[in-house]
C-alpha atoms as a PDB file:
ATOM      1  CA  MET A   1     122.911 158.049  78.659  1.00  0.00           C
ATOM      2  CA  SER A   2     120.098 160.549  78.225  1.00  0.00           C
ATOM      3  CA  GLU A   3     119.678 163.705  80.256  1.00  0.00           C
ATOM      4  CA  PRO A   4     117.030 163.903  82.989  1.00  0.00           C
ATOM      5  CA  VAL A   5     113.678 165.001  81.680  1.00  0.00           C
ATOM      6  CA  SER A   6     111.470 167.577  83.346  1.00  0.00           C
ATOM      7  CA  ARG A   7     107.798 167.084  82.469  1.00  0.00           C
ATOM      8  CA  THR A   8     105.009 169.582  82.927  1.00  0.00           C
ATOM      9  CA  HIS A   9     101.654 167.785  82.905  1.00  0.00           C
ATOM     10  CA  SER A  10      99.103 170.046  81.307  1.00  0.00           C
ATOM     11  CA  HIS A  11      95.997 169.921  79.187  1.00  0.00           C
ATOM     12  CA  ASP A  12      96.432 170.153  75.415  1.00  0.00           C
ATOM     13  CA  ASP A  13      95.184 173.756  75.459  1.00  0.00           C
ATOM     14  CA  ASP A  14      97.958 174.662  77.883  1.00  0.00           C
ATOM     15  CA  VAL A  15     100.704 173.010  75.809  1.00  0.00           C
ATOM     16  CA  LEU A  16     100.844 175.903  73.344  1.00  0.00           C
ATOM     17  CA  ALA A  17     100.943 178.459  76.163  1.00  0.00           C
ATOM     18  CA  THR A  18     103.727 176.524  77.885  1.00  0.00           C
ATOM     19  CA  ALA A  19     105.683 176.311  74.616  1.00  0.00           C
ATOM     20  CA  ALA A  20     105.211 180.054  74.096  1.00  0.00           C
ATOM     21  CA  ASP A  21     106.505 180.725  77.615  1.00  0.00           C
ATOM     22  CA  TRP A  22     109.586 178.613  76.934  1.00  0.00           C
ATOM     23  CA  ARG A  23     110.200 180.464  73.661  1.00  0.00           C
ATOM     24  CA  ALA A  24     109.786 183.827  75.423  1.00  0.00           C
ATOM     25  CA  ALA A  25     112.430 182.674  77.926  1.00  0.00           C
ATOM     26  CA  GLY A  26     114.853 182.029  75.047  1.00  0.00           C
ATOM     27  CA  GLU A  27     114.406 178.243  74.725  1.00  0.00           C
ATOM     28  CA  THR A  28     114.390 176.442  71.395  1.00  0.00           C
ATOM     29  CA  VAL A  29     111.105 174.502  71.190  1.00  0.00           C
ATOM     30  CA  ALA A  30     109.509 171.886  68.952  1.00  0.00           C
ATOM     31  CA  LEU A  31     105.839 170.927  68.889  1.00  0.00           C
ATOM     32  CA  ALA A  32     104.569 167.415  68.097  1.00  0.00           C
ATOM     33  CA  THR A  33     100.901 166.950  67.173  1.00  0.00           C
ATOM     34  CA  VAL A  34      98.983 163.691  66.647  1.00  0.00           C
ATOM     35  CA  VAL A  35      97.495 164.125  63.169  1.00  0.00           C
ATOM     36  CA  GLU A  36      95.977 160.672  62.616  1.00  0.00           C
ATOM     37  CA  THR A  37      95.111 157.560  64.630  1.00  0.00           C
ATOM     38  CA  TRP A  38      93.775 154.113  63.769  1.00  0.00           C
ATOM     39  CA  GLY A  39      92.861 151.344  66.201  1.00  0.00           C
ATOM     40  CA  SER A  40      94.010 151.779  69.769  1.00  0.00           C
ATOM     41  CA  SER A  41      95.751 155.033  70.577  1.00  0.00           C
ATOM     42  CA  PRO A  42      96.306 156.437  74.085  1.00  0.00           C
ATOM     43  CA  ARG A  43      95.780 160.010  72.856  1.00  0.00           C
ATOM     44  CA  PRO A  44      93.364 161.334  70.208  1.00  0.00           C
ATOM     45  CA  ALA A  45      94.237 163.296  67.076  1.00  0.00           C
ATOM     46  CA  GLY A  46      95.074 166.865  68.036  1.00  0.00           C
ATOM     47  CA  SER A  47      97.023 165.861  71.155  1.00  0.00           C
ATOM     48  CA  ARG A  48     100.269 167.787  71.547  1.00  0.00           C
ATOM     49  CA  LEU A  49     103.699 167.421  73.100  1.00  0.00           C
ATOM     50  CA  ALA A  50     106.030 170.418  73.422  1.00  0.00           C
ATOM     51  CA  VAL A  51     109.741 169.658  73.784  1.00  0.00           C
ATOM     52  CA  SER A  52     112.424 172.190  74.732  1.00  0.00           C
ATOM     53  CA  ALA A  53     116.097 171.953  73.823  1.00  0.00           C
ATOM     54  CA  SER A  54     116.882 171.761  77.552  1.00  0.00           C
ATOM     55  CA  GLY A  55     114.742 168.610  77.884  1.00  0.00           C
ATOM     56  CA  LYS A  56     111.471 169.948  79.256  1.00  0.00           C
ATOM     57  CA  LEU A  57     108.254 168.263  78.080  1.00  0.00           C
ATOM     58  CA  ALA A  58     104.645 169.454  78.262  1.00  0.00           C
ATOM     59  CA  GLY A  59     101.625 167.443  77.147  1.00  0.00           C
ATOM     60  CA  SER A  60     101.518 163.966  75.647  1.00  0.00           C
ATOM     61  CA  VAL A  61     101.079 162.323  72.240  1.00  0.00           C
ATOM     62  CA  SER A  62     101.115 158.657  73.268  1.00  0.00           C
ATOM     63  CA  GLY A  63     102.965 156.619  75.829  1.00  0.00           C
ATOM     64  CA  GLY A  64     105.676 154.041  76.156  1.00  0.00           C
ATOM     65  CA  CYS A  65     108.576 154.135  73.739  1.00  0.00           C
ATOM     66  CA  ILE A  66     106.610 156.128  71.146  1.00  0.00           C
ATOM     67  CA  GLU A  67     106.733 159.278  73.271  1.00  0.00           C
ATOM     68  CA  GLY A  68     110.491 158.878  73.692  1.00  0.00           C
ATOM     69  CA  ALA A  69     110.919 158.454  69.932  1.00  0.00           C
ATOM     70  CA  VAL A  70     108.833 161.591  69.330  1.00  0.00           C
ATOM     71  CA  ALA A  71     110.972 163.560  71.816  1.00  0.00           C
ATOM     72  CA  ASP A  72     114.126 162.366  70.033  1.00  0.00           C
ATOM     73  CA  ALA A  73     112.679 163.422  66.662  1.00  0.00           C
ATOM     74  CA  ALA A  74     111.757 166.804  68.165  1.00  0.00           C
ATOM     75  CA  LYS A  75     115.384 167.320  69.234  1.00  0.00           C
ATOM     76  CA  GLU A  76     116.498 166.544  65.670  1.00  0.00           C
ATOM     77  CA  THR A  77     113.903 168.942  64.255  1.00  0.00           C
ATOM     78  CA  MET A  78     115.109 171.696  66.609  1.00  0.00           C
ATOM     79  CA  GLN A  79     118.655 171.213  65.282  1.00  0.00           C
ATOM     80  CA  THR A  80     117.831 170.979  61.583  1.00  0.00           C
ATOM     81  CA  GLY A  81     114.668 173.088  61.363  1.00  0.00           C
ATOM     82  CA  ALA A  82     113.133 170.400  59.112  1.00  0.00           C
ATOM     83  CA  PRO A  83     109.622 169.237  60.084  1.00  0.00           C
ATOM     84  CA  GLN A  84     108.936 165.496  60.255  1.00  0.00           C
ATOM     85  CA  LEU A  85     105.886 163.270  59.852  1.00  0.00           C
ATOM     86  CA  LEU A  86     106.380 160.217  62.054  1.00  0.00           C
ATOM     87  CA  ASP A  87     104.408 157.034  61.388  1.00  0.00           C
ATOM     88  CA  PHE A  88     104.035 154.474  64.188  1.00  0.00           C
ATOM     89  CA  GLY A  89     102.264 151.132  63.913  1.00  0.00           C
ATOM     90  CA  ILE A  90     102.214 148.177  66.256  1.00  0.00           C
ATOM     91  CA  SER A  91     100.503 144.786  66.246  1.00  0.00           C
ATOM     92  CA  ASP A  92      98.381 143.618  69.179  1.00  0.00           C
ATOM     93  CA  GLU A  93     100.992 140.932  69.862  1.00  0.00           C
ATOM     94  CA  ARG A  94     103.852 143.426  70.294  1.00  0.00           C
ATOM     95  CA  ALA A  95     101.859 146.251  71.915  1.00  0.00           C
ATOM     96  CA  TRP A  96     102.539 145.315  75.547  1.00  0.00           C
ATOM     97  CA  GLU A  97     106.263 145.079  74.835  1.00  0.00           C
ATOM     98  CA  VAL A  98     106.404 148.774  73.914  1.00  0.00           C
ATOM     99  CA  GLY A  99     104.051 150.090  76.589  1.00  0.00           C
ATOM    100  CA  LEU A 100     100.733 150.232  74.739  1.00  0.00           C
ATOM    101  CA  ALA A 101      97.474 148.553  75.748  1.00  0.00           C
ATOM    102  CA  CYS A 102      96.899 147.047  72.299  1.00  0.00           C
ATOM    103  CA  GLY A 103      97.833 147.535  68.655  1.00  0.00           C
ATOM    104  CA  GLY A 104      97.120 150.584  66.567  1.00  0.00           C
ATOM    105  CA  LYS A 105      98.651 153.253  64.370  1.00  0.00           C
ATOM    106  CA  LEU A 106      99.314 156.927  64.755  1.00  0.00           C
ATOM    107  CA  LYS A 107     100.982 159.713  62.808  1.00  0.00           C
ATOM    108  CA  VAL A 108     102.681 162.597  64.562  1.00  0.00           C
ATOM    109  CA  PHE A 109     103.786 165.856  62.911  1.00  0.00           C
ATOM    110  CA  VAL A 110     106.841 167.482  64.494  1.00  0.00           C
ATOM    111  CA  GLU A 111     107.790 171.110  63.828  1.00  0.00           C
ATOM    112  CA  LYS A 112     110.187 173.671  65.258  1.00  0.00           C
ATOM    113  CA  LEU A 113     108.474 176.731  66.711  1.00  0.00           C
ATOM    114  CA  SER A 114     109.877 180.056  65.618  1.00  0.00           C
END
């Protein structure tokens, strides 16, 4: 069972400031950035999601199960220090099943902030 998640809704410009605040408070933080999209994507390239080791989230990179997968990858990156390039693709037929309006592809880069 996963821990409760605290989400701070903020504009992309505020995501970096929020992440910096968390770091200043002693939190371990990872940053996920949409680096490429094709077809339908809820968020454009450049969108960011900050994830803290305590489970706080700020910003958004997508929606549905993709955002959860990105948060899980961010937790792994915080533990290992190794950045990741995540590649998501979904057909129009399966899109609704995973919480997206229609099919598309996106790539998300995840890195630990230091």
